[in-house]
Amino acid sequence: MKTTQRITTTLVLALGGVGLATSNAMAAAPSNDLLPNARAVAVGFSELLDTTEATTDADDAELNAECGAPATDASVWYTIVGDGSGVVVDVSASDYSAGILVGPGTPGSLGLVACGPGVVGSFAEEGTAYYVLAFDDQLDGSGNGGSLSISFVAQPDAPTAEITVDPTGKVNTRTGVATLTGTVSCTNGDFLDVFLDVRQNVGRFAVLGSGGFFEEGTCDGEVRAWSAEVFPQNGKFAGGKSMTVATAFACGIFECGLGYTEQRVRLVGGR
């Protein structure tokens, strides 16, 4: 009986030791937890990484000094050499609130070229090595890291926008509201924002008005017809000629493209 008890006790302790060893192995910080061990990557690299045991230190604080992120907890380091074409780093698919800091230099002498939550980009001077710090900014209020989803992709082409205004429009003679039409197209943008400014001279008096419209998911290069109302600000538009200025902004995550036109429009009255 005693022999059996001793064997059982030995097995329990041994299994407990295995469990503890496994737990300690799983609890290890990522290999790129510290700046000297930054993981070298290139455009096209992506990974999922458990950062729950990652730490933060003075190198994090140095790079964050000019950015001012609320926290740099559970941080991990990467390094990439710029090729002159632009790089976007995306951690927005992580299961916690993650941020990014980017800077060239050496440990103890780091600069800052980009920082922010979720996605940053527009850096990659050819031949320059950049350190990239992905971290838990604690904007979700709890925890230390989690499943980091990080990717390095080429920066997309800049957005473009083009707009035209038809030379004939309509005006509601009762309300004084004008309706203008035209075409618009855009590329590489997440959304399109169009602004219309109209001036109509009536003798020595000028009636001013504005209008516009907003679209998402239409910047595919296709030319589309548009129609928008222009509301007078200091009177009523009437039948006759007016000067219209139209601007269109197609915007992506980092920048916008501008389309612009001026057109004399003849307003036709009706109800």
C-alpha atoms as a PDB file:
ATOM      1  CA  MET A   1       0.000   0.000   0.000  1.00  0.00           C
ATOM      2  CA  LYS A   2       2.751   2.416   0.944  1.00  0.00           C
ATOM      3  CA  THR A   3       4.646   1.566  -2.235  1.00  0.00           C
ATOM      4  CA  THR A   4       1.524   2.299  -4.283  1.00  0.00           C
ATOM      5  CA  GLN A   5       1.036   5.626  -2.483  1.00  0.00           C
ATOM      6  CA  ARG A   6       4.647   6.594  -3.107  1.00  0.00           C
ATOM      7  CA  ILE A   7       4.313   5.781  -6.815  1.00  0.00           C
ATOM      8  CA  THR A   8       1.075   7.746  -7.072  1.00  0.00           C
ATOM      9  CA  THR A   9       2.611  10.719  -5.249  1.00  0.00           C
ATOM     10  CA  THR A  10       5.661  10.612  -7.502  1.00  0.00           C
ATOM     11  CA  LEU A  11       3.486  10.585 -10.648  1.00  0.00           C
ATOM     12  CA  VAL A  12       1.390  13.508  -9.402  1.00  0.00           C
ATOM     13  CA  LEU A  13       4.491  15.561  -8.629  1.00  0.00           C
ATOM     14  CA  ALA A  14       6.075  14.651 -11.936  1.00  0.00           C
ATOM     15  CA  LEU A  15       2.964  15.561 -13.898  1.00  0.00           C
ATOM     16  CA  GLY A  16       2.638  18.766 -11.904  1.00  0.00           C
ATOM     17  CA  GLY A  17       6.219  19.600 -12.779  1.00  0.00           C
ATOM     18  CA  VAL A  18       5.523  18.976 -16.469  1.00  0.00           C
ATOM     19  CA  GLY A  19       2.471  21.254 -16.300  1.00  0.00           C
ATOM     20  CA  LEU A  20       4.497  23.964 -14.577  1.00  0.00           C
ATOM     21  CA  ALA A  21       7.274  23.700 -17.131  1.00  0.00           C
ATOM     22  CA  THR A  22       4.743  23.874 -19.971  1.00  0.00           C
ATOM     23  CA  SER A  23       3.061  26.870 -18.332  1.00  0.00           C
ATOM     24  CA  ASN A  24       6.386  28.662 -17.948  1.00  0.00           C
ATOM     25  CA  ALA A  25       7.282  27.935 -21.577  1.00  0.00           C
ATOM     26  CA  MET A  26       3.936  29.299 -22.763  1.00  0.00           C
ATOM     27  CA  ALA A  27       4.371  32.357 -20.557  1.00  0.00           C
ATOM     28  CA  ALA A  28       7.679  33.353 -22.163  1.00  0.00           C
ATOM     29  CA  ALA A  29       7.892  36.816 -23.708  1.00  0.00           C
ATOM     30  CA  PRO A  30       8.084  36.983 -27.536  1.00  0.00           C
ATOM     31  CA  SER A  31      11.588  36.736 -28.982  1.00  0.00           C
ATOM     32  CA  ASN A  32      11.325  40.312 -30.288  1.00  0.00           C
ATOM     33  CA  ASP A  33      10.194  41.760 -26.959  1.00  0.00           C
ATOM     34  CA  LEU A  34      13.321  43.973 -26.725  1.00  0.00           C
ATOM     35  CA  LEU A  35      14.818  46.404 -29.235  1.00  0.00           C
ATOM     36  CA  PRO A  36      18.145  44.530 -29.728  1.00  0.00           C
ATOM     37  CA  ASN A  37      16.111  41.499 -30.848  1.00  0.00           C
ATOM     38  CA  ALA A  38      13.919  43.375 -33.354  1.00  0.00           C
ATOM     39  CA  ARG A  39      12.602  41.024 -36.030  1.00  0.00           C
ATOM     40  CA  ALA A  40      13.825  41.936 -39.540  1.00  0.00           C
ATOM     41  CA  VAL A  41      10.914  42.014 -42.004  1.00  0.00           C
ATOM     42  CA  ALA A  42      10.114  43.198 -45.521  1.00  0.00           C
ATOM     43  CA  VAL A  43       7.019  44.391 -47.369  1.00  0.00           C
ATOM     44  CA  GLY A  44       4.609  41.459 -47.543  1.00  0.00           C
ATOM     45  CA  PHE A  45       5.378  40.191 -44.029  1.00  0.00           C
ATOM     46  CA  SER A  46       2.478  39.450 -41.674  1.00  0.00           C
ATOM     47  CA  GLU A  47       1.950  37.373 -38.554  1.00  0.00           C
ATOM     48  CA  LEU A  48      -0.222  36.667 -35.527  1.00  0.00           C
ATOM     49  CA  LEU A  49       1.757  36.927 -32.295  1.00  0.00           C
ATOM     50  CA  ASP A  50       0.812  36.331 -28.654  1.00  0.00           C
ATOM     51  CA  THR A  51       1.991  39.447 -26.776  1.00  0.00           C
ATOM     52  CA  THR A  52       0.390  38.801 -23.386  1.00  0.00           C
ATOM     53  CA  GLU A  53       3.831  38.323 -21.799  1.00  0.00           C
ATOM     54  CA  ALA A  54       5.589  41.115 -23.712  1.00  0.00           C
ATOM     55  CA  THR A  55       7.021  43.980 -21.653  1.00  0.00           C
ATOM     56  CA  THR A  56       7.765  47.693 -21.983  1.00  0.00           C
ATOM     57  CA  ASP A  57      11.032  49.491 -21.204  1.00  0.00           C
ATOM     58  CA  ALA A  58      13.114  52.647 -21.667  1.00  0.00           C
ATOM     59  CA  ASP A  59      13.515  52.099 -25.431  1.00  0.00           C
ATOM     60  CA  ASP A  60       9.733  52.163 -25.785  1.00  0.00           C
ATOM     61  CA  ALA A  61       9.549  55.353 -23.740  1.00  0.00           C
ATOM     62  CA  GLU A  62      12.261  57.022 -25.852  1.00  0.00           C
ATOM     63  CA  LEU A  63      10.448  56.374 -29.132  1.00  0.00           C
ATOM     64  CA  ASN A  64       7.132  57.407 -27.582  1.00  0.00           C
ATOM     65  CA  ALA A  65       8.459  60.693 -26.172  1.00  0.00           C
ATOM     66  CA  GLU A  66       7.498  62.694 -29.301  1.00  0.00           C
ATOM     67  CA  CYS A  67       4.287  60.773 -29.961  1.00  0.00           C
ATOM     68  CA  GLY A  68       2.621  60.685 -26.554  1.00  0.00           C
ATOM     69  CA  ALA A  69       0.738  57.405 -26.813  1.00  0.00           C
ATOM     70  CA  PRO A  70      -1.085  56.777 -23.505  1.00  0.00           C
ATOM     71  CA  ALA A  71       0.794  53.490 -22.929  1.00  0.00           C
ATOM     72  CA  THR A  72       3.339  51.242 -24.671  1.00  0.00           C
ATOM     73  CA  ASP A  73       2.486  48.019 -22.848  1.00  0.00           C
ATOM     74  CA  ALA A  74       3.077  44.519 -24.296  1.00  0.00           C
ATOM     75  CA  SER A  75       5.399  45.924 -26.944  1.00  0.00           C
ATOM     76  CA  VAL A  76       7.335  44.036 -29.619  1.00  0.00           C
ATOM     77  CA  TRP A  77       9.924  45.289 -32.109  1.00  0.00           C
ATOM     78  CA  TYR A  78      10.420  44.920 -35.868  1.00  0.00           C
ATOM     79  CA  THR A  79      12.887  46.486 -38.276  1.00  0.00           C
ATOM     80  CA  ILE A  80      12.492  47.177 -41.990  1.00  0.00           C
ATOM     81  CA  VAL A  81      14.717  48.860 -44.599  1.00  0.00           C
ATOM     82  CA  GLY A  82      12.941  51.393 -46.793  1.00  0.00           C
ATOM     83  CA  ASP A  83      12.888  50.947 -50.569  1.00  0.00           C
ATOM     84  CA  GLY A  84      11.591  54.427 -51.396  1.00  0.00           C
ATOM     85  CA  SER A  85       8.065  53.331 -52.307  1.00  0.00           C
ATOM     86  CA  GLY A  86       6.276  53.690 -48.967  1.00  0.00           C
ATOM     87  CA  VAL A  87       5.223  51.183 -46.327  1.00  0.00           C
ATOM     88  CA  VAL A  88       1.973  50.740 -44.402  1.00  0.00           C
ATOM     89  CA  VAL A  89       1.970  48.932 -41.050  1.00  0.00           C
ATOM     90  CA  ASP A  90      -1.436  47.642 -39.950  1.00  0.00           C
ATOM     91  CA  VAL A  91      -2.301  46.261 -36.487  1.00  0.00           C
ATOM     92  CA  SER A  92      -6.008  47.123 -36.623  1.00  0.00           C
ATOM     93  CA  ALA A  93      -7.113  43.455 -36.717  1.00  0.00           C
ATOM     94  CA  SER A  94      -5.521  42.694 -33.326  1.00  0.00           C
ATOM     95  CA  ASP A  95      -7.893  41.576 -30.556  1.00  0.00           C
ATOM     96  CA  TYR A  96      -6.857  44.516 -28.350  1.00  0.00           C
ATOM     97  CA  SER A  97      -6.299  48.238 -28.864  1.00  0.00           C
ATOM     98  CA  ALA A  98      -2.904  48.316 -30.584  1.00  0.00           C
ATOM     99  CA  GLY A  99      -0.716  51.193 -31.699  1.00  0.00           C
ATOM    100  CA  ILE A 100       2.445  51.679 -33.740  1.00  0.00           C
ATOM    101  CA  LEU A 101       5.586  53.806 -33.394  1.00  0.00           C
ATOM    102  CA  VAL A 102       8.120  54.090 -36.223  1.00  0.00           C
ATOM    103  CA  GLY A 103      11.550  55.666 -36.196  1.00  0.00           C
ATOM    104  CA  PRO A 104      15.084  55.430 -37.582  1.00  0.00           C
ATOM    105  CA  GLY A 105      18.240  55.573 -35.509  1.00  0.00           C
ATOM    106  CA  THR A 106      20.015  53.357 -33.020  1.00  0.00           C
ATOM    107  CA  PRO A 107      19.180  52.239 -29.474  1.00  0.00           C
ATOM    108  CA  GLY A 108      19.506  55.279 -27.248  1.00  0.00           C
ATOM    109  CA  SER A 109      19.201  57.636 -30.234  1.00  0.00           C
ATOM    110  CA  LEU A 110      15.873  56.945 -31.897  1.00  0.00           C
ATOM    111  CA  GLY A 111      13.869  59.438 -33.942  1.00  0.00           C
ATOM    112  CA  LEU A 112      10.158  59.353 -34.785  1.00  0.00           C
ATOM    113  CA  VAL A 113       8.611  59.527 -38.259  1.00  0.00           C
ATOM    114  CA  ALA A 114       5.141  58.052 -37.712  1.00  0.00           C
ATOM    115  CA  CYS A 115       2.875  56.966 -34.890  1.00  0.00           C
ATOM    116  CA  GLY A 116      -0.757  56.253 -34.261  1.00  0.00           C
ATOM    117  CA  PRO A 117      -3.408  53.674 -33.449  1.00  0.00           C
ATOM    118  CA  GLY A 118      -4.310  50.895 -35.859  1.00  0.00           C
ATOM    119  CA  VAL A 119      -2.539  51.850 -39.085  1.00  0.00           C
ATOM    120  CA  VAL A 120       0.428  54.081 -39.952  1.00  0.00           C
ATOM    121  CA  GLY A 121       2.364  54.580 -43.164  1.00  0.00           C
ATOM    122  CA  SER A 122       4.078  56.939 -45.579  1.00  0.00           C
ATOM    123  CA  PHE A 123       7.624  56.155 -44.462  1.00  0.00           C
ATOM    124  CA  ALA A 124      10.347  54.254 -46.293  1.00  0.00           C
ATOM    125  CA  GLU A 125      13.237  56.441 -47.455  1.00  0.00           C
ATOM    126  CA  GLU A 126      15.367  54.216 -49.625  1.00  0.00           C
ATOM    127  CA  GLY A 127      18.171  52.499 -47.726  1.00  0.00           C
ATOM    128  CA  THR A 128      17.062  53.775 -44.296  1.00  0.00           C
ATOM    129  CA  ALA A 129      16.462  51.210 -41.552  1.00  0.00           C
ATOM    130  CA  TYR A 130      13.385  51.853 -39.412  1.00  0.00           C
ATOM    131  CA  TYR A 131      12.406  50.363 -36.084  1.00  0.00           C
ATOM    132  CA  VAL A 132       8.703  49.567 -35.727  1.00  0.00           C
ATOM    133  CA  LEU A 133       7.179  49.161 -32.263  1.00  0.00           C
ATOM    134  CA  ALA A 134       3.762  47.506 -31.963  1.00  0.00           C
ATOM    135  CA  PHE A 135       2.183  47.908 -28.528  1.00  0.00           C
ATOM    136  CA  ASP A 136      -0.938  47.846 -26.359  1.00  0.00           C
ATOM    137  CA  ASP A 137      -2.031  51.476 -25.943  1.00  0.00           C
ATOM    138  CA  GLN A 138      -4.603  50.517 -23.273  1.00  0.00           C
ATOM    139  CA  LEU A 139      -7.378  52.513 -24.940  1.00  0.00           C
ATOM    140  CA  ASP A 140      -9.658  49.557 -24.298  1.00  0.00           C
ATOM    141  CA  GLY A 141      -8.953  49.960 -20.581  1.00  0.00           C
ATOM    142  CA  SER A 142      -7.713  46.510 -19.616  1.00  0.00           C
ATOM    143  CA  GLY A 143      -5.328  43.620 -20.189  1.00  0.00           C
ATOM    144  CA  ASN A 144      -1.751  43.321 -21.352  1.00  0.00           C
ATOM    145  CA  GLY A 145      -1.554  42.623 -25.059  1.00  0.00           C
ATOM    146  CA  GLY A 146      -3.239  39.640 -26.661  1.00  0.00           C
ATOM    147  CA  SER A 147      -3.236  38.349 -30.222  1.00  0.00           C
ATOM    148  CA  LEU A 148      -1.302  40.901 -32.278  1.00  0.00           C
ATOM    149  CA  SER A 149      -2.173  40.889 -35.978  1.00  0.00           C
ATOM    150  CA  ILE A 150       0.493  42.852 -37.850  1.00  0.00           C
ATOM    151  CA  SER A 151       1.194  43.290 -41.554  1.00  0.00           C
ATOM    152  CA  PHE A 152       3.635  45.322 -43.653  1.00  0.00           C
ATOM    153  CA  VAL A 153       2.289  46.239 -47.087  1.00  0.00           C
ATOM    154  CA  ALA A 154       3.249  48.631 -49.883  1.00  0.00           C
ATOM    155  CA  GLN A 155       1.597  52.035 -49.650  1.00  0.00           C
ATOM    156  CA  PRO A 156      -1.228  52.343 -52.199  1.00  0.00           C
ATOM    157  CA  ASP A 157      -1.184  54.907 -54.993  1.00  0.00           C
ATOM    158  CA  ALA A 158      -2.502  58.354 -54.118  1.00  0.00           C
ATOM    159  CA  PRO A 159      -6.246  58.930 -54.634  1.00  0.00           C
ATOM    160  CA  THR A 160      -7.459  60.860 -57.691  1.00  0.00           C
ATOM    161  CA  ALA A 161     -10.728  62.697 -58.387  1.00  0.00           C
ATOM    162  CA  GLU A 162     -12.330  64.322 -61.446  1.00  0.00           C
ATOM    163  CA  ILE A 163     -15.638  66.196 -61.619  1.00  0.00           C
ATOM    164  CA  THR A 164     -17.729  67.936 -64.273  1.00  0.00           C
ATOM    165  CA  VAL A 165     -20.833  70.153 -63.990  1.00  0.00           C
ATOM    166  CA  ASP A 166     -23.486  70.205 -66.718  1.00  0.00           C
ATOM    167  CA  PRO A 167     -24.062  73.649 -68.302  1.00  0.00           C
ATOM    168  CA  THR A 168     -27.818  73.506 -67.612  1.00  0.00           C
ATOM    169  CA  GLY A 169     -29.463  73.109 -64.212  1.00  0.00           C
ATOM    170  CA  LYS A 170     -32.873  73.553 -62.653  1.00  0.00           C
ATOM    171  CA  VAL A 171     -34.243  75.973 -60.092  1.00  0.00           C
ATOM    172  CA  ASN A 172     -37.432  75.783 -58.048  1.00  0.00           C
ATOM    173  CA  THR A 173     -38.823  79.283 -58.461  1.00  0.00           C
ATOM    174  CA  ARG A 174     -40.899  78.928 -55.300  1.00  0.00           C
ATOM    175  CA  THR A 175     -38.108  77.880 -52.925  1.00  0.00           C
ATOM    176  CA  GLY A 176     -35.124  79.255 -54.836  1.00  0.00           C
ATOM    177  CA  VAL A 177     -33.275  75.927 -54.517  1.00  0.00           C
ATOM    178  CA  ALA A 178     -31.165  74.929 -57.533  1.00  0.00           C
ATOM    179  CA  THR A 179     -30.449  71.383 -58.712  1.00  0.00           C
ATOM    180  CA  LEU A 180     -27.186  70.729 -60.533  1.00  0.00           C
ATOM    181  CA  THR A 181     -25.948  67.622 -62.317  1.00  0.00           C
ATOM    182  CA  GLY A 182     -22.688  66.321 -63.762  1.00  0.00           C
ATOM    183  CA  THR A 183     -20.246  63.432 -63.663  1.00  0.00           C
ATOM    184  CA  VAL A 184     -17.605  62.356 -61.179  1.00  0.00           C
ATOM    185  CA  SER A 185     -14.955  59.651 -60.948  1.00  0.00           C
ATOM    186  CA  CYS A 186     -12.270  58.743 -58.433  1.00  0.00           C
ATOM    187  CA  THR A 187      -9.634  56.086 -57.749  1.00  0.00           C
ATOM    188  CA  ASN A 188      -7.791  54.665 -54.731  1.00  0.00           C
ATOM    189  CA  GLY A 189     -10.063  56.393 -52.218  1.00  0.00           C
ATOM    190  CA  ASP A 190     -12.226  55.114 -49.402  1.00  0.00           C
ATOM    191  CA  PHE A 191     -14.757  57.904 -49.876  1.00  0.00           C
ATOM    192  CA  LEU A 192     -15.665  60.837 -52.111  1.00  0.00           C
ATOM    193  CA  ASP A 193     -16.741  64.236 -50.765  1.00  0.00           C
ATOM    194  CA  VAL A 194     -18.093  66.851 -53.198  1.00  0.00           C
ATOM    195  CA  PHE A 195     -18.689  70.546 -52.449  1.00  0.00           C
ATOM    196  CA  LEU A 196     -20.669  72.920 -54.691  1.00  0.00           C
ATOM    197  CA  ASP A 197     -20.553  76.707 -54.456  1.00  0.00           C
ATOM    198  CA  VAL A 198     -22.877  78.811 -56.623  1.00  0.00           C
ATOM    199  CA  ARG A 199     -22.974  82.556 -57.208  1.00  0.00           C
ATOM    200  CA  GLN A 200     -25.737  84.214 -59.221  1.00  0.00           C
ATOM    201  CA  ASN A 201     -25.633  87.932 -59.889  1.00  0.00           C
ATOM    202  CA  VAL A 202     -28.988  89.701 -59.896  1.00  0.00           C
ATOM    203  CA  GLY A 203     -28.259  93.338 -60.772  1.00  0.00           C
ATOM    204  CA  ARG A 204     -25.871  94.616 -58.104  1.00  0.00           C
ATOM    205  CA  PHE A 205     -26.864  91.836 -55.735  1.00  0.00           C
ATOM    206  CA  ALA A 206     -25.283  88.354 -55.607  1.00  0.00           C
ATOM    207  CA  VAL A 207     -27.135  85.287 -54.340  1.00  0.00           C
ATOM    208  CA  LEU A 208     -24.746  82.730 -52.833  1.00  0.00           C
ATOM    209  CA  GLY A 209     -25.445  79.095 -52.125  1.00  0.00           C
ATOM    210  CA  SER A 210     -23.831  75.736 -51.444  1.00  0.00           C
ATOM    211  CA  GLY A 211     -24.514  72.033 -51.633  1.00  0.00           C
ATOM    212  CA  GLY A 212     -22.762  68.721 -52.088  1.00  0.00           C
ATOM    213  CA  PHE A 213     -22.839  65.000 -51.478  1.00  0.00           C
ATOM    214  CA  PHE A 214     -20.811  62.193 -49.903  1.00  0.00           C
ATOM    215  CA  GLU A 215     -20.209  58.629 -51.142  1.00  0.00           C
ATOM    216  CA  GLU A 216     -18.296  55.622 -49.834  1.00  0.00           C
ATOM    217  CA  GLY A 217     -16.950  52.652 -51.745  1.00  0.00           C
ATOM    218  CA  THR A 218     -17.300  54.181 -55.227  1.00  0.00           C
ATOM    219  CA  CYS A 219     -13.677  55.131 -56.036  1.00  0.00           C
ATOM    220  CA  ASP A 220     -13.187  52.422 -58.663  1.00  0.00           C
ATOM    221  CA  GLY A 221     -12.418  54.689 -61.630  1.00  0.00           C
ATOM    222  CA  GLU A 222     -15.937  54.419 -63.095  1.00  0.00           C
ATOM    223  CA  VAL A 223     -17.521  57.668 -64.307  1.00  0.00           C
ATOM    224  CA  ARG A 224     -20.850  58.207 -62.539  1.00  0.00           C
ATOM    225  CA  ALA A 225     -23.633  60.740 -62.953  1.00  0.00           C
ATOM    226  CA  TRP A 226     -24.502  62.872 -59.953  1.00  0.00           C
ATOM    227  CA  SER A 227     -27.295  65.247 -58.948  1.00  0.00           C
ATOM    228  CA  ALA A 228     -27.312  67.586 -55.946  1.00  0.00           C
ATOM    229  CA  GLU A 229     -29.384  70.436 -54.557  1.00  0.00           C
ATOM    230  CA  VAL A 230     -27.811  73.833 -53.902  1.00  0.00           C
ATOM    231  CA  PHE A 231     -29.459  75.901 -51.179  1.00  0.00           C
ATOM    232  CA  PRO A 232     -29.309  79.722 -51.333  1.00  0.00           C
ATOM    233  CA  GLN A 233     -27.952  81.462 -48.248  1.00  0.00           C
ATOM    234  CA  ASN A 234     -29.107  85.056 -48.758  1.00  0.00           C
ATOM    235  CA  GLY A 235     -32.111  85.040 -51.048  1.00  0.00           C
ATOM    236  CA  LYS A 236     -33.389  82.826 -53.864  1.00  0.00           C
ATOM    237  CA  PHE A 237     -31.833  81.539 -57.047  1.00  0.00           C
ATOM    238  CA  ALA A 238     -33.803  82.380 -60.178  1.00  0.00           C
ATOM    239  CA  GLY A 239     -33.823  81.367 -63.803  1.00  0.00           C
ATOM    240  CA  GLY A 240     -30.773  82.586 -65.672  1.00  0.00           C
ATOM    241  CA  LYS A 241     -27.008  82.244 -65.547  1.00  0.00           C
ATOM    242  CA  SER A 242     -24.859  81.494 -62.528  1.00  0.00           C
ATOM    243  CA  MET A 243     -21.246  80.645 -61.798  1.00  0.00           C
ATOM    244  CA  THR A 244     -20.644  77.257 -60.195  1.00  0.00           C
ATOM    245  CA  VAL A 245     -17.467  76.076 -58.512  1.00  0.00           C
ATOM    246  CA  ALA A 246     -17.210  72.349 -57.798  1.00  0.00           C
ATOM    247  CA  THR A 247     -14.542  70.538 -55.811  1.00  0.00           C
ATOM    248  CA  ALA A 248     -14.289  66.797 -55.233  1.00  0.00           C
ATOM    249  CA  PHE A 249     -12.073  65.116 -52.651  1.00  0.00           C
ATOM    250  CA  ALA A 250     -11.275  61.412 -52.921  1.00  0.00           C
ATOM    251  CA  CYS A 251      -9.600  60.336 -49.682  1.00  0.00           C
ATOM    252  CA  GLY A 252      -7.777  57.226 -48.574  1.00  0.00           C
ATOM    253  CA  ILE A 253      -6.376  56.415 -45.169  1.00  0.00           C
ATOM    254  CA  PHE A 254      -3.386  58.754 -45.521  1.00  0.00           C
ATOM    255  CA  GLU A 255      -4.115  61.383 -48.167  1.00  0.00           C
ATOM    256  CA  CYS A 256      -6.713  62.908 -50.489  1.00  0.00           C
ATOM    257  CA  GLY A 257      -6.859  63.643 -54.207  1.00  0.00           C
ATOM    258  CA  LEU A 258      -8.553  66.844 -55.447  1.00  0.00           C
ATOM    259  CA  GLY A 259     -10.723  67.412 -58.497  1.00  0.00           C
ATOM    260  CA  TYR A 260     -11.811  70.969 -59.367  1.00  0.00           C
ATOM    261  CA  THR A 261     -13.902  72.702 -62.018  1.00  0.00           C
ATOM    262  CA  GLU A 262     -15.604  76.046 -62.709  1.00  0.00           C
ATOM    263  CA  GLN A 263     -18.689  76.096 -64.910  1.00  0.00           C
ATOM    264  CA  ARG A 264     -21.228  78.707 -65.980  1.00  0.00           C
ATOM    265  CA  VAL A 265     -24.643  77.097 -65.552  1.00  0.00           C
ATOM    266  CA  ARG A 266     -27.961  78.287 -66.984  1.00  0.00           C
ATOM    267  CA  LEU A 267     -30.731  77.650 -64.461  1.00  0.00           C
ATOM    268  CA  VAL A 268     -34.133  76.799 -65.899  1.00  0.00           C
ATOM    269  CA  GLY A 269     -37.049  77.720 -63.660  1.00  0.00           C
ATOM    270  CA  GLY A 270     -39.987  75.557 -62.653  1.00  0.00           C
ATOM    271  CA  ARG A 271     -41.713  74.023 -59.673  1.00  0.00           C
END
